[in-house]
Amino acid sequence: MREHVLKNDDFLVSQTDDKGIILFANDDFCKIAGYTIDELIGKSHNIVRHPDMPKSAFKALWDTVKSGKVWSGYVKNKTKDGGYYWVYATVYPMKDSASNKTSYMSCRRKPSAEEIKTAEALYKTLR
């Protein structure tokens, strides 16, 4: 598996509905993940979930944002071509005042090599 390393100025953004369906993805996210915008919109965000990521990490993420709080952490994602990339993600819940529906905005940047090493060690202890 080939690692795709983000550039220092890459900033990946996506928005999902309350079921994790992608509503929006910016150009950096599409480029790094290897998908076109049309391939992402309407799909589950799990399309980029890497099998090395423990399910408990995503449970913690969803439990946090569904309670109205912001979640931050390190995520290993997979690319369309079978590679992977690491991000430091911050996920924000957003409530639409007109529809009263909640969506989630994820903003991601390049983590340092040391941050990735620490996250890898932690994730090996989780399931």
C-alpha atoms as a PDB file:
ATOM      1  CA  MET A   1       0.000   0.000   0.000  1.00  0.00           C
ATOM      2  CA  ARG A   2       1.354   3.343  -1.033  1.00  0.00           C
ATOM      3  CA  GLU A   3       1.243   6.194   1.450  1.00  0.00           C
ATOM      4  CA  HIS A   4       0.010   9.517   0.120  1.00  0.00           C
ATOM      5  CA  VAL A   5       1.618  12.221   2.238  1.00  0.00           C
ATOM      6  CA  LEU A   6      -0.281  15.472   2.473  1.00  0.00           C
ATOM      7  CA  LYS A   7       1.489  18.705   1.655  1.00  0.00           C
ATOM      8  CA  ASN A   8       1.799  21.222   4.468  1.00  0.00           C
ATOM      9  CA  ASP A   9      -0.875  23.457   2.932  1.00  0.00           C
ATOM     10  CA  ASP A  10      -3.401  20.701   2.099  1.00  0.00           C
ATOM     11  CA  PHE A  11      -6.686  21.264   3.920  1.00  0.00           C
ATOM     12  CA  LEU A  12      -9.294  18.570   3.392  1.00  0.00           C
ATOM     13  CA  VAL A  13     -12.935  19.465   4.082  1.00  0.00           C
ATOM     14  CA  SER A  14     -16.093  17.400   3.865  1.00  0.00           C
ATOM     15  CA  GLN A  15     -19.615  17.647   5.187  1.00  0.00           C
ATOM     16  CA  THR A  16     -21.920  14.727   5.957  1.00  0.00           C
ATOM     17  CA  ASP A  17     -25.489  14.347   7.064  1.00  0.00           C
ATOM     18  CA  ASP A  18     -26.371  12.670  10.367  1.00  0.00           C
ATOM     19  CA  LYS A  19     -25.976   9.232   8.759  1.00  0.00           C
ATOM     20  CA  GLY A  20     -22.456   9.931   7.454  1.00  0.00           C
ATOM     21  CA  ILE A  21     -23.511  10.501   3.829  1.00  0.00           C
ATOM     22  CA  ILE A  22     -21.227  12.987   2.057  1.00  0.00           C
ATOM     23  CA  LEU A  23     -22.935  16.266   1.160  1.00  0.00           C
ATOM     24  CA  PHE A  24     -19.823  18.259   0.264  1.00  0.00           C
ATOM     25  CA  ALA A  25     -16.120  17.640  -0.384  1.00  0.00           C
ATOM     26  CA  ASN A  26     -13.485  20.187  -1.339  1.00  0.00           C
ATOM     27  CA  ASP A  27     -10.859  19.820  -4.056  1.00  0.00           C
ATOM     28  CA  ASP A  28      -8.058  18.825  -1.641  1.00  0.00           C
ATOM     29  CA  PHE A  29     -10.167  15.982  -0.229  1.00  0.00           C
ATOM     30  CA  CYS A  30     -11.036  14.721  -3.717  1.00  0.00           C
ATOM     31  CA  LYS A  31      -7.419  14.949  -4.875  1.00  0.00           C
ATOM     32  CA  ILE A  32      -5.892  13.120  -1.886  1.00  0.00           C
ATOM     33  CA  ALA A  33      -8.607  10.440  -1.694  1.00  0.00           C
ATOM     34  CA  GLY A  34      -8.475   9.946  -5.469  1.00  0.00           C
ATOM     35  CA  TYR A  35     -12.186  10.400  -6.138  1.00  0.00           C
ATOM     36  CA  THR A  36     -14.091  12.914  -8.202  1.00  0.00           C
ATOM     37  CA  ILE A  37     -16.696  15.027  -6.452  1.00  0.00           C
ATOM     38  CA  ASP A  38     -19.424  13.050  -8.242  1.00  0.00           C
ATOM     39  CA  GLU A  39     -18.020   9.781  -6.868  1.00  0.00           C
ATOM     40  CA  LEU A  40     -18.177  11.125  -3.299  1.00  0.00           C
ATOM     41  CA  ILE A  41     -21.459  13.065  -3.058  1.00  0.00           C
ATOM     42  CA  GLY A  42     -24.217  10.793  -1.781  1.00  0.00           C
ATOM     43  CA  LYS A  43     -21.814   8.073  -0.627  1.00  0.00           C
ATOM     44  CA  SER A  44     -21.047   7.045   2.927  1.00  0.00           C
ATOM     45  CA  HIS A  45     -17.921   8.672   4.341  1.00  0.00           C
ATOM     46  CA  ASN A  46     -16.865   5.080   5.056  1.00  0.00           C
ATOM     47  CA  ILE A  47     -15.724   5.030   1.419  1.00  0.00           C
ATOM     48  CA  VAL A  48     -12.372   6.310   2.751  1.00  0.00           C
ATOM     49  CA  ARG A  49     -12.317   4.301   5.996  1.00  0.00           C
ATOM     50  CA  HIS A  50      -9.097   2.332   6.268  1.00  0.00           C
ATOM     51  CA  PRO A  51      -9.375  -1.194   7.749  1.00  0.00           C
ATOM     52  CA  ASP A  52      -6.482  -0.428  10.138  1.00  0.00           C
ATOM     53  CA  MET A  53      -8.665   2.088  11.970  1.00  0.00           C
ATOM     54  CA  PRO A  54     -10.270   0.615  15.100  1.00  0.00           C
ATOM     55  CA  LYS A  55     -14.070   0.737  15.183  1.00  0.00           C
ATOM     56  CA  SER A  56     -13.869   2.173  18.700  1.00  0.00           C
ATOM     57  CA  ALA A  57     -12.180   5.317  17.335  1.00  0.00           C
ATOM     58  CA  PHE A  58     -15.166   6.027  15.088  1.00  0.00           C
ATOM     59  CA  LYS A  59     -17.610   5.172  17.859  1.00  0.00           C
ATOM     60  CA  ALA A  60     -15.907   7.803  20.024  1.00  0.00           C
ATOM     61  CA  LEU A  61     -16.054  10.312  17.156  1.00  0.00           C
ATOM     62  CA  TRP A  62     -19.788   9.767  16.529  1.00  0.00           C
ATOM     63  CA  ASP A  63     -20.669   9.685  20.239  1.00  0.00           C
ATOM     64  CA  THR A  64     -18.892  13.029  20.678  1.00  0.00           C
ATOM     65  CA  VAL A  65     -20.351  14.901  17.705  1.00  0.00           C
ATOM     66  CA  LYS A  66     -23.869  13.508  18.161  1.00  0.00           C
ATOM     67  CA  SER A  67     -23.773  14.953  21.706  1.00  0.00           C
ATOM     68  CA  GLY A  68     -23.121  18.382  20.157  1.00  0.00           C
ATOM     69  CA  LYS A  69     -19.394  18.534  20.933  1.00  0.00           C
ATOM     70  CA  VAL A  70     -16.367  18.930  18.661  1.00  0.00           C
ATOM     71  CA  TRP A  71     -14.123  15.880  18.123  1.00  0.00           C
ATOM     72  CA  SER A  72     -10.451  15.971  17.129  1.00  0.00           C
ATOM     73  CA  GLY A  73      -8.098  13.112  16.427  1.00  0.00           C
ATOM     74  CA  TYR A  74      -5.857  11.272  14.010  1.00  0.00           C
ATOM     75  CA  VAL A  75      -7.348   9.201  11.219  1.00  0.00           C
ATOM     76  CA  LYS A  76      -5.814   6.843   8.683  1.00  0.00           C
ATOM     77  CA  ASN A  77      -7.922   6.879   5.522  1.00  0.00           C
ATOM     78  CA  LYS A  78      -7.727   4.790   2.377  1.00  0.00           C
ATOM     79  CA  THR A  79      -7.529   6.106  -1.160  1.00  0.00           C
ATOM     80  CA  LYS A  80      -9.401   4.908  -4.208  1.00  0.00           C
ATOM     81  CA  ASP A  81      -6.206   3.302  -5.567  1.00  0.00           C
ATOM     82  CA  GLY A  82      -5.700   1.226  -2.406  1.00  0.00           C
ATOM     83  CA  GLY A  83      -3.181   3.525  -0.770  1.00  0.00           C
ATOM     84  CA  TYR A  84      -3.616   5.446   2.454  1.00  0.00           C
ATOM     85  CA  TYR A  85      -3.080   8.837   4.059  1.00  0.00           C
ATOM     86  CA  TRP A  86      -3.070  10.192   7.603  1.00  0.00           C
ATOM     87  CA  VAL A  87      -4.890  13.325   8.742  1.00  0.00           C
ATOM     88  CA  TYR A  88      -5.474  15.269  11.916  1.00  0.00           C
ATOM     89  CA  ALA A  89      -9.235  15.773  11.806  1.00  0.00           C
ATOM     90  CA  THR A  90     -11.578  18.111  13.631  1.00  0.00           C
ATOM     91  CA  VAL A  91     -15.284  17.339  13.263  1.00  0.00           C
ATOM     92  CA  TYR A  92     -17.894  19.974  14.065  1.00  0.00           C
ATOM     93  CA  PRO A  93     -21.638  19.396  14.469  1.00  0.00           C
ATOM     94  CA  MET A  94     -23.728  22.067  12.702  1.00  0.00           C
ATOM     95  CA  LYS A  95     -27.462  22.554  13.181  1.00  0.00           C
ATOM     96  CA  ASP A  96     -29.428  24.172  10.366  1.00  0.00           C
ATOM     97  CA  SER A  97     -31.821  26.646  11.987  1.00  0.00           C
ATOM     98  CA  ALA A  98     -34.385  26.400   9.170  1.00  0.00           C
ATOM     99  CA  SER A  99     -34.623  22.611   8.873  1.00  0.00           C
ATOM    100  CA  ASN A 100     -33.429  21.777  12.396  1.00  0.00           C
ATOM    101  CA  LYS A 101     -31.231  19.076  10.810  1.00  0.00           C
ATOM    102  CA  THR A 102     -27.708  18.418  12.004  1.00  0.00           C
ATOM    103  CA  SER A 103     -24.782  17.872   9.669  1.00  0.00           C
ATOM    104  CA  TYR A 104     -21.097  17.428  10.393  1.00  0.00           C
ATOM    105  CA  MET A 105     -18.150  19.347   8.966  1.00  0.00           C
ATOM    106  CA  SER A 106     -14.737  17.698   9.019  1.00  0.00           C
ATOM    107  CA  CYS A 107     -11.600  19.780   8.513  1.00  0.00           C
ATOM    108  CA  ARG A 108      -8.331  17.895   8.143  1.00  0.00           C
ATOM    109  CA  ARG A 109      -4.667  18.814   7.936  1.00  0.00           C
ATOM    110  CA  LYS A 110      -1.318  17.039   7.673  1.00  0.00           C
ATOM    111  CA  PRO A 111      -0.163  15.488  10.958  1.00  0.00           C
ATOM    112  CA  SER A 112       3.529  15.297  11.854  1.00  0.00           C
ATOM    113  CA  ALA A 113       5.456  12.027  11.560  1.00  0.00           C
ATOM    114  CA  GLU A 114       5.636  11.864  15.366  1.00  0.00           C
ATOM    115  CA  GLU A 115       1.868  12.353  15.698  1.00  0.00           C
ATOM    116  CA  ILE A 116       1.282   9.518  13.215  1.00  0.00           C
ATOM    117  CA  LYS A 117       3.681   7.227  15.089  1.00  0.00           C
ATOM    118  CA  THR A 118       1.854   7.911  18.369  1.00  0.00           C
ATOM    119  CA  ALA A 119      -1.571   7.343  16.782  1.00  0.00           C
ATOM    120  CA  GLU A 120      -0.439   4.074  15.171  1.00  0.00           C
ATOM    121  CA  ALA A 121       0.813   2.773  18.518  1.00  0.00           C
ATOM    122  CA  LEU A 122      -2.440   3.734  20.261  1.00  0.00           C
ATOM    123  CA  TYR A 123      -4.673   2.267  17.545  1.00  0.00           C
ATOM    124  CA  LYS A 124      -2.867  -1.093  17.758  1.00  0.00           C
ATOM    125  CA  THR A 125      -4.185  -1.350  21.338  1.00  0.00           C
ATOM    126  CA  LEU A 126      -7.809  -0.638  20.342  1.00  0.00           C
ATOM    127  CA  ARG A 127     -10.444  -2.580  18.450  1.00  0.00           C
END
